[in-house]
Protein backbone atom coordinates (compact mmCIF):
# COMPACT_ATOMS: atom_id res chain seq x y z
CA UNK A 1 102.61 94.06 86.05
CA UNK A 2 106.06 95.58 85.69
CA UNK A 3 108.04 96.34 88.85
CA UNK A 4 109.75 99.22 87.03
CA UNK A 5 106.36 100.91 86.94
CA UNK A 6 106.11 101.00 90.75
CA UNK A 7 102.79 99.21 91.17
CA UNK A 8 101.92 99.94 94.78
CA UNK A 9 98.77 99.30 96.79
CA UNK A 10 97.54 98.75 100.33
CA UNK A 11 95.74 95.58 101.37
CA UNK A 12 94.46 96.93 104.67
CA UNK A 13 93.47 100.22 106.20
CA UNK A 14 92.31 102.03 109.29
CA UNK A 15 88.54 102.37 108.76
CA UNK A 16 85.33 103.28 110.59
CA UNK A 17 85.29 99.63 111.75
CA UNK A 18 88.90 99.56 112.89
CA UNK A 19 91.53 97.81 110.78
CA UNK A 20 90.01 96.02 107.77
CA UNK A 21 92.12 93.46 105.93
CA UNK A 22 92.04 92.42 102.29
CA UNK A 23 95.08 90.16 102.70
CA UNK A 24 93.15 87.10 101.53
CA UNK A 25 93.61 88.62 98.06
CA UNK A 26 97.15 87.25 98.20
CA UNK A 27 95.89 83.68 98.24
CA UNK A 28 95.75 81.77 94.97
CA UNK A 29 96.16 78.10 95.89
CA UNK A 30 94.88 76.76 92.56
CA UNK A 31 97.20 78.77 90.31
CA UNK A 32 99.84 80.11 92.68
CA UNK A 33 103.05 78.20 93.32
CA UNK A 34 103.85 79.30 96.86
CA UNK A 35 102.66 81.68 99.56
CA UNK A 36 105.20 82.46 102.28
CA UNK A 37 103.71 83.74 105.56
CA UNK A 38 106.21 85.48 107.84
CA UNK A 39 105.65 85.45 111.60
CA UNK A 40 107.58 87.47 114.15
CA UNK A 41 107.40 90.47 116.44
CA UNK A 42 107.91 94.16 115.61
CA UNK A 43 111.49 94.80 114.57
CA UNK A 44 112.18 91.16 113.79
CA UNK A 45 112.95 91.97 110.17
CA UNK A 46 109.79 90.87 108.31
CA UNK A 47 109.74 93.86 105.96
CA UNK A 48 113.53 93.79 105.52
CA UNK A 49 113.44 90.09 104.64
CA UNK A 50 110.84 90.74 101.96
CA UNK A 51 112.89 93.60 100.54
CA UNK A 52 115.96 91.35 100.34
CA UNK A 53 113.99 88.69 98.49
CA UNK A 54 112.59 91.34 96.14
CA UNK A 55 116.10 92.64 95.42
CA UNK A 56 117.02 89.17 94.19
CA UNK A 57 113.89 88.97 92.05
CA UNK A 58 114.50 92.43 90.59
CA UNK A 59 117.78 91.21 89.13
CA UNK A 60 115.71 88.82 87.03
CA UNK A 61 113.45 91.69 85.91
CA UNK A 62 110.39 90.04 87.46
CA UNK A 63 106.99 91.73 87.57
CA UNK A 64 106.24 92.56 91.21
CA UNK A 65 103.28 94.15 92.93
CA UNK A 66 104.04 95.85 96.26
CA UNK A 67 101.69 96.15 99.24
CA UNK A 68 102.62 98.72 101.87
CA UNK A 69 101.69 99.03 105.53
CA UNK A 70 98.86 101.54 106.04
CA UNK A 71 100.28 102.57 109.42
CA UNK A 72 103.83 102.89 108.05
CA UNK A 73 103.97 103.34 104.24
CA UNK A 74 107.75 102.97 104.23
CA UNK A 75 107.32 99.41 105.46
CA UNK A 76 106.33 96.51 103.21
CA UNK A 77 103.50 94.19 104.25
CA UNK A 78 103.45 91.86 101.25
CA UNK A 79 104.32 91.38 97.58
CA UNK A 80 103.32 89.23 94.63
CA UNK A 81 105.84 88.13 92.00
CA UNK A 82 103.85 87.36 88.86
CA UNK A 83 106.81 85.72 87.08
CA UNK A 84 107.92 83.40 89.88
CA UNK A 85 104.19 82.97 90.72
CA UNK A 86 104.79 83.43 94.44
CA UNK A 87 103.57 85.75 97.18
CA UNK A 88 105.03 86.69 100.54
CA UNK A 89 103.32 88.45 103.42
CA UNK A 90 103.64 89.60 106.99
CA UNK A 91 101.16 87.24 108.65
CA UNK A 92 101.00 88.94 112.06
CA UNK A 93 98.30 91.14 113.59
CA UNK A 94 96.40 93.16 112.53
CA UNK A 95 96.39 91.08 109.31
CA UNK A 96 96.96 87.66 110.84
CA UNK A 97 97.22 84.87 108.30
CA UNK A 98 97.78 81.14 108.71
CA UNK A 99 98.34 78.37 106.15
CA UNK A 100 95.31 76.75 104.53
CA UNK A 101 97.35 74.07 102.74
CA UNK A 102 100.53 73.81 104.83
CA UNK A 103 103.53 72.77 102.79
CA UNK A 104 101.53 72.11 99.64
CA UNK A 105 100.95 75.78 98.90
CA UNK A 106 101.50 78.05 101.90
CA UNK A 107 104.14 77.82 104.61
CA UNK A 108 105.25 79.66 107.74
CA UNK A 109 108.56 81.52 108.04
CA UNK A 110 109.03 81.90 111.79
CA UNK A 111 111.42 84.72 112.68
CA UNK A 112 110.50 84.22 116.34
CA UNK A 113 113.00 81.36 116.29
CA UNK A 114 115.72 83.99 115.87
CA UNK A 115 115.17 85.97 119.05
CA UNK A 116 116.45 85.63 122.60
CA UNK A 117 113.32 85.12 124.71
CA UNK A 118 115.18 85.93 127.91
CA UNK A 119 115.94 89.46 126.67
CA UNK A 120 112.30 89.98 125.76
CA UNK A 121 111.14 88.64 129.10
CA UNK A 122 113.48 91.04 130.89
CA UNK A 123 111.59 93.92 129.22
CA UNK A 124 108.15 92.37 129.62
CA UNK A 125 106.48 95.28 131.43
CA UNK A 126 107.82 97.87 128.97
CA UNK A 127 106.72 95.77 125.99
CA UNK A 128 103.23 95.34 127.46
CA UNK A 129 102.84 99.04 128.26
CA UNK A 130 104.02 100.14 124.84
CA UNK A 131 101.82 97.59 123.05
CA UNK A 132 98.74 98.65 125.03
CA UNK A 133 99.40 102.35 124.40
CA UNK A 134 99.81 101.70 120.66
CA UNK A 135 96.46 99.89 120.65
CA UNK A 136 94.88 102.88 122.41
CA UNK A 137 96.24 105.23 119.73
CA UNK A 138 94.68 103.09 117.01
CA UNK A 139 91.36 102.99 118.89
CA UNK A 140 91.34 106.78 119.07
CA UNK A 141 92.12 106.96 115.36
CA UNK A 142 89.21 104.62 114.66
CA UNK A 143 86.87 106.85 116.69
CA UNK A 144 87.87 109.88 114.63
CA UNK A 145 87.49 107.99 111.36
CA UNK A 146 84.08 106.70 112.45
CA UNK A 147 82.88 110.25 113.18
CA UNK A 148 84.33 111.57 109.91
CA UNK A 149 82.69 108.77 107.93
CA UNK A 150 79.30 109.53 109.49
CA UNK A 151 79.57 113.13 108.23
CA UNK A 152 80.78 112.05 104.78
CA UNK A 153 78.02 109.43 104.50
CA UNK A 154 75.44 112.05 105.44
CA UNK A 155 76.72 114.30 102.65
CA UNK A 156 76.65 111.43 100.17
CA UNK A 157 73.09 110.51 101.11
CA UNK A 158 71.96 114.13 100.71
CA UNK A 159 73.71 114.50 97.34
CA UNK A 160 72.02 111.41 95.89
CA UNK A 161 68.86 113.48 95.28
CA UNK A 162 70.88 115.79 93.02
CA UNK A 163 72.66 113.25 90.79
CA UNK A 164 72.41 114.15 87.12
CA UNK A 165 71.28 110.71 85.94
CA UNK A 166 71.38 111.72 82.28
CA UNK A 167 75.10 112.51 82.48
CA UNK A 168 75.80 109.46 84.64
CA UNK A 169 73.96 107.01 82.40
CA UNK A 170 75.48 108.50 79.24
CA UNK A 171 78.99 108.08 80.64
CA UNK A 172 78.30 104.51 81.81
CA UNK A 173 77.02 103.56 78.34
CA UNK A 174 80.00 105.15 76.57
CA UNK A 175 82.52 103.63 78.97
CA UNK A 176 81.01 100.15 78.58
CA UNK A 177 81.78 100.29 74.85
CA UNK A 178 85.46 100.87 75.63
CA UNK A 179 85.62 97.58 77.53
CA UNK A 180 85.07 95.47 74.41
CA UNK A 181 87.97 93.07 74.11
CA UNK A 182 88.90 93.45 77.78
CA UNK A 183 90.59 90.38 79.22
CA UNK A 184 88.34 88.06 81.21
CA UNK A 185 89.27 87.25 84.77
CA UNK A 186 88.41 88.02 88.35
CA UNK A 187 88.04 91.15 90.42
CA UNK A 188 91.14 92.08 92.38
CA UNK A 189 90.34 94.07 95.52
CA UNK A 190 92.89 96.73 96.38
CA UNK A 191 93.33 100.08 98.16
CA UNK A 192 95.12 103.07 96.69
CA UNK A 193 94.90 105.29 99.76
CA UNK A 194 95.05 105.05 103.54
CA UNK A 195 94.73 107.23 106.62
CA UNK A 196 98.34 106.97 107.65
CA UNK A 197 101.25 108.51 109.58
CA UNK A 198 100.40 112.19 109.92
CA UNK A 199 98.72 112.32 106.51
CA UNK A 200 96.50 110.54 104.03
CA UNK A 201 98.65 108.59 101.55
CA UNK A 202 97.48 108.13 97.95
CA UNK A 203 99.39 106.00 95.43
CA UNK A 204 98.26 108.07 92.45
CA UNK A 205 101.17 106.92 90.26
CA UNK A 206 99.83 103.36 90.28
CA UNK A 207 96.80 104.45 88.24
CA UNK A 208 99.01 106.27 85.74
CA UNK A 209 101.27 103.26 85.37
CA UNK A 210 98.43 100.82 84.76
CA UNK A 211 96.26 103.03 82.56
CA UNK A 212 96.98 105.51 79.79
CA UNK A 213 93.32 106.49 79.43
CA UNK A 214 92.03 107.86 82.73
CA UNK A 215 88.54 109.20 83.36
CA UNK A 216 88.06 111.43 86.39
CA UNK A 217 84.81 111.80 88.32
CA UNK A 218 85.07 115.13 90.23
CA UNK A 219 82.80 114.37 93.18
CA UNK A 220 83.34 116.03 96.55
CA UNK A 221 80.21 114.39 98.00
CA UNK A 222 80.73 110.85 96.66
CA UNK A 223 77.16 110.24 95.45
CA UNK A 224 77.60 110.29 91.66
CA UNK A 225 80.89 108.38 91.71
CA UNK A 226 79.35 105.76 94.01
CA UNK A 227 76.49 105.21 91.55
CA UNK A 228 78.67 105.15 88.43
CA UNK A 229 81.45 102.93 89.77
CA UNK A 230 79.00 100.49 91.35
CA UNK A 231 77.12 100.08 88.06
CA UNK A 232 80.30 99.68 86.02
CA UNK A 233 81.65 97.11 88.47
CA UNK A 234 78.36 95.18 88.34
CA UNK A 235 78.47 95.14 84.54
CA UNK A 236 82.12 94.04 84.55
CA UNK A 237 81.27 91.27 87.02
CA UNK A 238 78.41 90.07 84.82
CA UNK A 239 80.76 89.93 81.83
CA UNK A 240 83.53 88.32 83.90
CA UNK A 241 86.10 91.01 83.14
CA UNK A 242 89.45 91.27 84.89
CA UNK A 243 89.67 94.49 86.88
CA UNK A 244 91.26 96.10 89.91
CA UNK A 245 88.60 97.54 92.21
CA UNK A 246 89.96 100.06 94.69
CA UNK A 247 87.69 100.83 97.62
CA UNK A 248 87.42 103.97 99.71
CA UNK A 249 89.96 103.19 102.41
CA UNK A 250 87.74 104.26 105.32
CA UNK A 251 84.52 102.69 103.96
CA UNK A 252 85.58 99.21 102.82
CA UNK A 253 83.59 97.55 101.21
CA UNK A 254 80.73 100.07 101.04
CA UNK A 255 82.15 102.45 98.43
CA UNK A 256 84.38 102.10 95.37
CA UNK A 257 86.70 105.02 94.55
CA UNK A 258 88.61 103.71 91.51
CA UNK A 259 88.42 100.89 88.96
CA UNK A 260 91.32 99.93 86.68
CA UNK A 261 91.10 97.64 83.64
CA UNK A 262 94.82 96.89 83.06
CA UNK A 263 94.37 94.80 79.91
CA UNK A 264 92.77 97.78 78.17
CA UNK A 265 94.84 100.46 79.92
CA UNK A 266 91.67 102.23 81.08
CA UNK A 267 90.78 103.55 84.54
CA UNK A 268 88.10 105.58 86.29
CA UNK A 269 89.09 107.54 89.38
CA UNK A 270 87.19 109.65 91.88
CA UNK A 271 88.60 113.09 92.61
CA UNK A 272 87.89 114.68 95.99
CA UNK A 273 89.59 116.49 98.88
CA UNK A 274 91.40 113.31 99.97
CA UNK A 275 92.74 112.20 96.58
CA UNK A 276 92.56 115.00 93.98
CA UNK A 277 93.13 114.31 90.29
CA UNK A 278 95.86 115.78 88.11
CA UNK A 279 95.80 117.62 84.79
CA UNK A 280 95.83 115.58 81.61
CA UNK A 281 92.97 113.25 82.49
CA UNK A 282 89.48 113.31 81.01
CA UNK A 283 87.06 115.03 83.40
CA UNK A 284 83.43 113.92 83.48
CA UNK A 285 81.62 117.11 84.44
CA UNK A 286 78.00 117.96 85.30
CA UNK A 287 77.56 114.89 87.48
CA UNK A 288 75.35 116.80 89.91
CA UNK A 289 72.47 119.21 89.57
CA UNK A 290 72.62 122.45 91.57
CA UNK A 291 72.35 121.87 95.31
CA UNK A 292 70.51 124.70 97.15
CA UNK A 293 72.94 127.05 98.90
CA UNK A 294 71.69 126.51 102.51
CA UNK A 295 72.08 122.76 102.05
CA UNK A 296 75.47 123.08 100.36
CA UNK A 297 76.71 125.26 103.23
CA UNK A 298 75.82 122.55 105.75
CA UNK A 299 77.45 119.88 103.60
CA UNK A 300 80.59 122.00 103.28
CA UNK A 301 80.70 122.34 107.06
CA UNK A 302 80.40 118.54 107.36
CA UNK A 303 83.24 118.10 104.88
CA UNK A 304 85.54 120.50 106.74
CA UNK A 305 84.83 118.78 110.06
CA UNK A 306 85.44 115.38 108.46
CA UNK A 307 88.79 116.60 107.13
CA UNK A 308 89.71 117.82 110.61
CA UNK A 309 88.77 114.46 112.13
CA UNK A 310 90.78 112.56 109.52
CA UNK A 311 93.70 114.87 110.30
CA UNK A 312 93.42 114.02 114.02
CA UNK A 313 93.25 110.31 113.15
CA UNK A 314 96.47 110.71 111.16
CA UNK A 315 98.13 112.27 114.23
CA UNK A 316 97.02 109.34 116.41
CA UNK A 317 98.52 106.95 113.87
CA UNK A 318 101.69 109.02 113.80
CA UNK A 319 101.94 108.71 117.59
CA UNK A 320 101.35 104.96 117.31
CA UNK A 321 104.21 104.75 114.80
CA UNK A 322 106.60 106.60 117.13
CA UNK A 323 105.72 104.23 119.97
CA UNK A 324 106.02 101.26 117.61
CA UNK A 325 109.57 102.38 116.80
CA UNK A 326 110.36 102.27 120.54
CA UNK A 327 108.81 98.81 120.80
CA UNK A 328 110.88 97.56 117.87
CA UNK A 329 114.10 98.40 119.71
CA UNK A 330 113.48 95.69 122.29
CA UNK A 331 112.98 93.07 119.58
CA UNK A 332 115.92 94.26 117.50
CA UNK A 333 118.19 93.89 120.55
CA UNK A 334 116.87 90.36 121.06
CA UNK A 335 117.28 89.23 117.43
CA UNK A 336 120.03 87.02 116.08
CA UNK A 337 120.17 88.40 112.54
CA UNK A 338 122.72 85.83 111.40
CA UNK A 339 119.89 83.28 111.74
CA UNK A 340 117.70 85.57 109.63
CA UNK A 341 120.46 85.52 106.99
CA UNK A 342 120.24 81.73 106.94
CA UNK A 343 116.46 81.90 106.50
CA UNK A 344 116.90 84.37 103.64
CA UNK A 345 119.35 82.07 101.84
CA UNK A 346 117.01 79.10 102.27
CA UNK A 347 114.04 80.99 100.81
CA UNK A 348 116.14 82.42 97.96
CA UNK A 349 117.28 78.91 97.02
CA UNK A 350 113.71 77.60 97.26
CA UNK A 351 112.42 80.30 94.92
CA UNK A 352 115.21 79.67 92.41
């Protein structure tokens, strides 16, 4: 994967079950050279440290895959460098990670060693109050997402009776032929979208960068795309094909929204209200038979209410981000960033 192509994903998301992590996808102890796990509080420079390391790697034109924070897309949670064969991640909550093979493969970078504990202790009550309020914001967001998902799942279940199986099966058969010669390998689990700060974020450019041939499943209810993508993924798994499977960010791992086969430059993507497709892609139409108007009206009402609930969840996450920025200030004031510079130099030398 080429860094110049801006390959960006999420490895965690706010879902109907709370925060769900796919960060174990970073682990490759058999083939990977090193996994660096950064520990430290908010504002301790975890994302900045990764960006500094990446800047060094970019000079060597390395292929890098970026993983952003679902609750703050401007912040980096992890990256994989496919040329240096290393990965680095923020190993703190809500995606806590610890070494499995300390020193031999994965190791801890502890930025907590760089802060003045006395300064943090002096602001103990403020830090506790802010942290608890941030957690409450995320709980409220989860409640909204849970309610929205219930409505969307109801629509999907209703629409299953109206799937045009002839069209679906014909497309699956035709698409399977295109996978001949696809590179063998494993499934990589990723997310292309997330309920985030004030809006739903969708890394649509990642699909375009990894695939020149893109098939779009227009499916506002999710039933036909769920059937098609599940069957294609099952077939690819049986054949042992390398693929990137991108799940619905609020229904991990119950529904797949996109599958990319990078070695063939082919992708299938679901188009709906939350991540619409663009012109220039191949639309697969007639996926559903006509749904009776009274039923469709109720489903449309469900969809509108789900959109409203997702919008409210985004606002809760936005509020959590604003409070998180306040929390970071206490840690920034307590940090000795000259020590962080020393850690950066040590890691940079180790990677070289």
